[in-house]
Amino acid sequence: AKAVAASWTAEGEYTADDGTTFRGRPALEKAYAEFFAANPGNSLDVEVDSIRFPSRDNAVVEGHFKQRKAKRGELVVSRCSLLFAREDGKWLIAIAREWPGDGLS
């Protein structure tokens, strides 16, 4: 959870497909730790549909999260949009939004 949260800006913000929002690296780390504990063995792939650079230090990624649930083998697909910010030469997630899947696989 700590390593995943480190890929975010200090004030990063994530909004899940159910509308739940987490703000700040400590809140993100806590949410990841709880999710990993409750969902051992799940995996996540990110399918990137497009990347745009509105400025030299910002990137917008559009795509899909594909989560494989270990317990039932179920694949859950959701649409996502991420804003990356370059800080001290590193690309970090500043904002991520997720919406329920649109039927794409």
N, C-alpha and C. Protein backbone atom coordinates (compact mmCIF):
# COMPACT_ATOMS: atom_id res chain seq x y z
N ALA A 1 0.82 -1.19 0.00
CA ALA A 1 0.00 0.00 0.00
C ALA A 1 0.87 1.26 0.00
N LYS A 2 1.95 1.22 0.77
CA LYS A 2 2.84 2.38 0.84
C LYS A 2 3.49 2.65 -0.52
N ALA A 3 3.92 1.60 -1.20
CA ALA A 3 4.56 1.76 -2.51
C ALA A 3 3.58 2.29 -3.55
N VAL A 4 2.35 1.81 -3.52
CA VAL A 4 1.34 2.28 -4.49
C VAL A 4 1.01 3.74 -4.20
N ALA A 5 0.82 4.07 -2.93
CA ALA A 5 0.51 5.46 -2.56
C ALA A 5 1.64 6.40 -2.94
N ALA A 6 2.87 5.91 -2.96
CA ALA A 6 4.02 6.75 -3.32
C ALA A 6 3.99 7.16 -4.79
N SER A 7 3.15 6.52 -5.60
CA SER A 7 3.04 6.90 -7.01
C SER A 7 2.08 8.08 -7.22
N TRP A 8 1.58 8.64 -6.12
CA TRP A 8 0.67 9.77 -6.15
C TRP A 8 1.36 11.04 -5.66
N THR A 9 0.84 12.20 -6.06
CA THR A 9 1.30 13.46 -5.49
C THR A 9 0.86 13.51 -4.03
N ALA A 10 1.46 14.38 -3.26
CA ALA A 10 1.13 14.48 -1.83
C ALA A 10 -0.36 14.75 -1.60
N GLU A 11 -0.97 15.53 -2.48
CA GLU A 11 -2.39 15.87 -2.35
C GLU A 11 -3.25 15.16 -3.38
N GLY A 12 -2.76 14.02 -3.90
CA GLY A 12 -3.49 13.28 -4.93
C GLY A 12 -4.91 12.96 -4.52
N GLU A 13 -5.76 12.79 -5.54
CA GLU A 13 -7.19 12.55 -5.30
C GLU A 13 -7.69 11.43 -6.20
N TYR A 14 -8.36 10.46 -5.60
CA TYR A 14 -8.94 9.33 -6.34
C TYR A 14 -10.43 9.25 -6.05
N THR A 15 -11.23 9.18 -7.10
CA THR A 15 -12.66 8.98 -6.96
C THR A 15 -13.02 7.66 -7.61
N ALA A 16 -13.54 6.74 -6.79
CA ALA A 16 -13.92 5.40 -7.25
C ALA A 16 -15.22 5.44 -8.05
N ASP A 17 -15.53 4.31 -8.69
CA ASP A 17 -16.72 4.25 -9.53
C ASP A 17 -18.02 4.38 -8.73
N ASP A 18 -17.96 4.23 -7.41
CA ASP A 18 -19.16 4.42 -6.58
C ASP A 18 -19.25 5.84 -6.01
N GLY A 19 -18.29 6.71 -6.38
CA GLY A 19 -18.30 8.09 -5.93
C GLY A 19 -17.47 8.36 -4.69
N THR A 20 -16.95 7.32 -4.04
CA THR A 20 -16.09 7.49 -2.87
C THR A 20 -14.81 8.20 -3.29
N THR A 21 -14.42 9.22 -2.54
CA THR A 21 -13.22 10.00 -2.87
C THR A 21 -12.21 9.93 -1.72
N PHE A 22 -10.94 9.73 -2.09
CA PHE A 22 -9.84 9.73 -1.15
C PHE A 22 -8.90 10.86 -1.54
N ARG A 23 -8.50 11.68 -0.57
CA ARG A 23 -7.62 12.82 -0.85
C ARG A 23 -6.38 12.77 0.02
N GLY A 24 -5.24 12.91 -0.62
CA GLY A 24 -3.97 12.95 0.10
C GLY A 24 -3.35 11.57 0.20
N ARG A 25 -2.03 11.56 0.15
CA ARG A 25 -1.29 10.30 0.16
C ARG A 25 -1.59 9.42 1.38
N PRO A 26 -1.70 9.98 2.61
CA PRO A 26 -2.02 9.11 3.76
C PRO A 26 -3.38 8.41 3.61
N ALA A 27 -4.39 9.13 3.13
CA ALA A 27 -5.71 8.52 2.93
C ALA A 27 -5.67 7.46 1.84
N LEU A 28 -4.91 7.71 0.79
CA LEU A 28 -4.78 6.73 -0.29
C LEU A 28 -4.07 5.47 0.22
N GLU A 29 -3.01 5.65 0.99
CA GLU A 29 -2.29 4.50 1.53
C GLU A 29 -3.20 3.65 2.42
N LYS A 30 -3.98 4.29 3.27
CA LYS A 30 -4.92 3.59 4.15
C LYS A 30 -5.96 2.82 3.32
N ALA A 31 -6.51 3.48 2.30
CA ALA A 31 -7.51 2.82 1.45
C ALA A 31 -6.91 1.63 0.72
N TYR A 32 -5.70 1.78 0.20
CA TYR A 32 -5.05 0.65 -0.48
C TYR A 32 -4.81 -0.50 0.49
N ALA A 33 -4.33 -0.20 1.70
CA ALA A 33 -4.06 -1.25 2.68
C ALA A 33 -5.33 -2.02 3.00
N GLU A 34 -6.43 -1.31 3.19
CA GLU A 34 -7.71 -1.96 3.49
C GLU A 34 -8.19 -2.79 2.30
N PHE A 35 -8.05 -2.26 1.10
CA PHE A 35 -8.49 -2.99 -0.10
C PHE A 35 -7.66 -4.26 -0.29
N PHE A 36 -6.34 -4.15 -0.17
CA PHE A 36 -5.47 -5.31 -0.36
C PHE A 36 -5.76 -6.39 0.68
N ALA A 37 -6.02 -5.98 1.93
CA ALA A 37 -6.33 -6.96 2.98
C ALA A 37 -7.65 -7.68 2.71
N ALA A 38 -8.63 -6.95 2.18
CA ALA A 38 -9.94 -7.53 1.92
C ALA A 38 -10.01 -8.30 0.61
N ASN A 39 -9.04 -8.11 -0.28
CA ASN A 39 -9.08 -8.70 -1.62
C ASN A 39 -7.74 -9.34 -2.00
N PRO A 40 -7.27 -10.28 -1.21
CA PRO A 40 -5.96 -10.89 -1.53
C PRO A 40 -6.01 -11.61 -2.88
N GLY A 41 -4.95 -11.44 -3.64
CA GLY A 41 -4.85 -12.14 -4.92
C GLY A 41 -5.51 -11.45 -6.10
N ASN A 42 -6.24 -10.36 -5.86
CA ASN A 42 -6.81 -9.63 -6.99
C ASN A 42 -5.68 -9.02 -7.81
N SER A 43 -5.93 -8.82 -9.10
CA SER A 43 -4.94 -8.17 -9.96
C SER A 43 -5.62 -7.06 -10.74
N LEU A 44 -4.81 -6.10 -11.17
CA LEU A 44 -5.34 -4.97 -11.92
C LEU A 44 -4.45 -4.70 -13.12
N ASP A 45 -5.07 -4.60 -14.28
CA ASP A 45 -4.38 -4.16 -15.49
C ASP A 45 -4.99 -2.83 -15.89
N VAL A 46 -4.17 -1.97 -16.45
CA VAL A 46 -4.65 -0.69 -16.97
C VAL A 46 -4.48 -0.72 -18.47
N GLU A 47 -5.58 -0.56 -19.18
CA GLU A 47 -5.56 -0.51 -20.64
C GLU A 47 -5.62 0.97 -21.03
N VAL A 48 -4.55 1.48 -21.62
CA VAL A 48 -4.47 2.89 -22.00
C VAL A 48 -5.03 3.07 -23.41
N ASP A 49 -6.04 3.94 -23.51
CA ASP A 49 -6.63 4.26 -24.81
C ASP A 49 -5.98 5.49 -25.43
N SER A 50 -5.63 6.47 -24.59
CA SER A 50 -5.00 7.68 -25.12
C SER A 50 -4.20 8.38 -24.03
N ILE A 51 -3.20 9.13 -24.48
CA ILE A 51 -2.40 9.98 -23.61
C ILE A 51 -2.27 11.34 -24.29
N ARG A 52 -2.60 12.40 -23.54
CA ARG A 52 -2.46 13.77 -24.05
C ARG A 52 -1.57 14.55 -23.10
N PHE A 53 -0.81 15.48 -23.64
CA PHE A 53 0.07 16.33 -22.84
C PHE A 53 -0.39 17.78 -22.98
N PRO A 54 -1.31 18.25 -22.09
CA PRO A 54 -1.77 19.63 -22.19
C PRO A 54 -0.69 20.64 -21.84
N SER A 55 0.34 20.19 -21.14
CA SER A 55 1.51 21.03 -20.88
C SER A 55 2.70 20.09 -20.70
N ARG A 56 3.89 20.64 -20.61
CA ARG A 56 5.07 19.78 -20.53
C ARG A 56 5.15 19.02 -19.21
N ASP A 57 4.43 19.47 -18.19
CA ASP A 57 4.48 18.81 -16.88
C ASP A 57 3.17 18.16 -16.48
N ASN A 58 2.26 17.98 -17.44
CA ASN A 58 0.98 17.32 -17.17
C ASN A 58 0.64 16.37 -18.30
N ALA A 59 0.06 15.24 -17.93
CA ALA A 59 -0.40 14.26 -18.91
C ALA A 59 -1.77 13.76 -18.49
N VAL A 60 -2.65 13.59 -19.46
CA VAL A 60 -3.98 13.04 -19.22
C VAL A 60 -4.03 11.67 -19.87
N VAL A 61 -4.35 10.65 -19.07
CA VAL A 61 -4.44 9.28 -19.57
C VAL A 61 -5.90 8.85 -19.48
N GLU A 62 -6.43 8.36 -20.58
CA GLU A 62 -7.80 7.82 -20.63
C GLU A 62 -7.68 6.34 -20.93
N GLY A 63 -8.52 5.54 -20.28
CA GLY A 63 -8.47 4.11 -20.54
C GLY A 63 -9.44 3.33 -19.69
N HIS A 64 -9.04 2.10 -19.36
CA HIS A 64 -9.89 1.19 -18.59
C HIS A 64 -9.06 0.47 -17.53
N PHE A 65 -9.66 0.33 -16.34
CA PHE A 65 -9.11 -0.55 -15.32
C PHE A 65 -9.75 -1.91 -15.53
N LYS A 66 -8.95 -2.96 -15.47
CA LYS A 66 -9.45 -4.33 -15.59
C LYS A 66 -8.99 -5.10 -14.36
N GLN A 67 -9.93 -5.27 -13.43
CA GLN A 67 -9.61 -5.94 -12.18
C GLN A 67 -10.09 -7.39 -12.23
N ARG A 68 -9.18 -8.29 -11.97
CA ARG A 68 -9.51 -9.72 -11.91
C ARG A 68 -9.66 -10.09 -10.44
N LYS A 69 -10.86 -10.50 -10.08
CA LYS A 69 -11.12 -10.88 -8.69
C LYS A 69 -10.69 -12.33 -8.49
N ALA A 70 -9.78 -12.53 -7.55
CA ALA A 70 -9.17 -13.84 -7.34
C ALA A 70 -10.18 -14.89 -6.86
N LYS A 71 -11.09 -14.50 -6.01
CA LYS A 71 -12.01 -15.47 -5.42
C LYS A 71 -12.92 -16.13 -6.45
N ARG A 72 -13.45 -15.36 -7.39
CA ARG A 72 -14.39 -15.90 -8.37
C ARG A 72 -13.86 -15.87 -9.80
N GLY A 73 -12.69 -15.30 -9.99
CA GLY A 73 -12.15 -15.19 -11.33
C GLY A 73 -12.88 -14.17 -12.19
N GLU A 74 -13.76 -13.40 -11.58
CA GLU A 74 -14.57 -12.42 -12.28
C GLU A 74 -13.71 -11.25 -12.77
N LEU A 75 -14.00 -10.76 -13.97
CA LEU A 75 -13.31 -9.59 -14.52
C LEU A 75 -14.25 -8.39 -14.42
N VAL A 76 -13.80 -7.34 -13.75
CA VAL A 76 -14.57 -6.12 -13.60
C VAL A 76 -13.85 -5.02 -14.38
N VAL A 77 -14.56 -4.43 -15.34
CA VAL A 77 -13.97 -3.39 -16.19
C VAL A 77 -14.62 -2.05 -15.86
N SER A 78 -13.80 -1.03 -15.68
CA SER A 78 -14.31 0.31 -15.46
C SER A 78 -13.49 1.30 -16.29
N ARG A 79 -14.14 2.39 -16.65
CA ARG A 79 -13.48 3.44 -17.41
C ARG A 79 -12.71 4.32 -16.44
N CYS A 80 -11.54 4.85 -16.87
CA CYS A 80 -10.75 5.69 -15.99
C CYS A 80 -10.13 6.86 -16.74
N SER A 81 -9.85 7.90 -15.97
CA SER A 81 -9.14 9.07 -16.46
C SER A 81 -8.17 9.49 -15.37
N LEU A 82 -6.91 9.69 -15.74
CA LEU A 82 -5.89 10.06 -14.77
C LEU A 82 -5.14 11.30 -15.23
N LEU A 83 -4.88 12.19 -14.30
CA LEU A 83 -4.04 13.34 -14.55
C LEU A 83 -2.71 13.09 -13.86
N PHE A 84 -1.64 13.06 -14.64
CA PHE A 84 -0.29 12.91 -14.10
C PHE A 84 0.38 14.27 -14.06
N ALA A 85 1.16 14.51 -13.01
CA ALA A 85 1.93 15.74 -12.89
C ALA A 85 3.39 15.37 -12.71
N ARG A 86 4.26 16.09 -13.39
CA ARG A 86 5.70 15.83 -13.23
C ARG A 86 6.22 16.71 -12.10
N GLU A 87 6.74 16.04 -11.06
CA GLU A 87 7.29 16.74 -9.90
C GLU A 87 8.70 16.23 -9.65
N ASP A 88 9.66 17.12 -9.63
CA ASP A 88 11.06 16.75 -9.40
C ASP A 88 11.51 15.64 -10.35
N GLY A 89 11.07 15.73 -11.61
CA GLY A 89 11.47 14.78 -12.64
C GLY A 89 10.72 13.46 -12.63
N LYS A 90 9.75 13.28 -11.71
CA LYS A 90 8.98 12.03 -11.63
C LYS A 90 7.53 12.29 -12.00
N TRP A 91 6.94 11.37 -12.76
CA TRP A 91 5.52 11.45 -13.11
C TRP A 91 4.71 10.80 -11.99
N LEU A 92 3.82 11.58 -11.38
CA LEU A 92 2.99 11.10 -10.28
C LEU A 92 1.52 11.32 -10.62
N ILE A 93 0.67 10.48 -10.07
CA ILE A 93 -0.77 10.63 -10.30
C ILE A 93 -1.27 11.76 -9.40
N ALA A 94 -1.92 12.75 -10.00
CA ALA A 94 -2.48 13.86 -9.24
C ALA A 94 -3.97 13.64 -9.00
N ILE A 95 -4.68 13.18 -10.04
CA ILE A 95 -6.12 12.94 -9.94
C ILE A 95 -6.45 11.69 -10.76
N ALA A 96 -7.27 10.83 -10.17
CA ALA A 96 -7.78 9.66 -10.90
C ALA A 96 -9.28 9.58 -10.68
N ARG A 97 -10.00 9.33 -11.74
CA ARG A 97 -11.45 9.15 -11.69
C ARG A 97 -11.77 7.82 -12.35
N GLU A 98 -12.74 7.13 -11.77
CA GLU A 98 -13.16 5.83 -12.29
C GLU A 98 -14.69 5.83 -12.42
N TRP A 99 -15.17 5.25 -13.52
CA TRP A 99 -16.60 5.12 -13.76
C TRP A 99 -16.92 3.67 -14.04
N PRO A 100 -18.16 3.24 -13.74
CA PRO A 100 -18.51 1.85 -14.05
C PRO A 100 -18.21 1.50 -15.50
N GLY A 101 -17.91 0.23 -15.74
CA GLY A 101 -17.53 -0.24 -17.07
C GLY A 101 -18.54 0.10 -18.15
N ASP A 102 -18.03 0.23 -19.35
CA ASP A 102 -18.88 0.55 -20.50
C ASP A 102 -19.03 -0.63 -21.44
N GLY A 103 -18.73 -1.84 -20.94
CA GLY A 103 -18.90 -3.04 -21.75
C GLY A 103 -17.70 -3.41 -22.58
N LEU A 104 -16.65 -2.60 -22.57
CA LEU A 104 -15.46 -2.95 -23.33
C LEU A 104 -14.69 -4.04 -22.58
N SER A 105 -14.01 -4.88 -23.33
CA SER A 105 -13.23 -5.92 -22.66
C SER A 105 -11.78 -5.76 -23.02
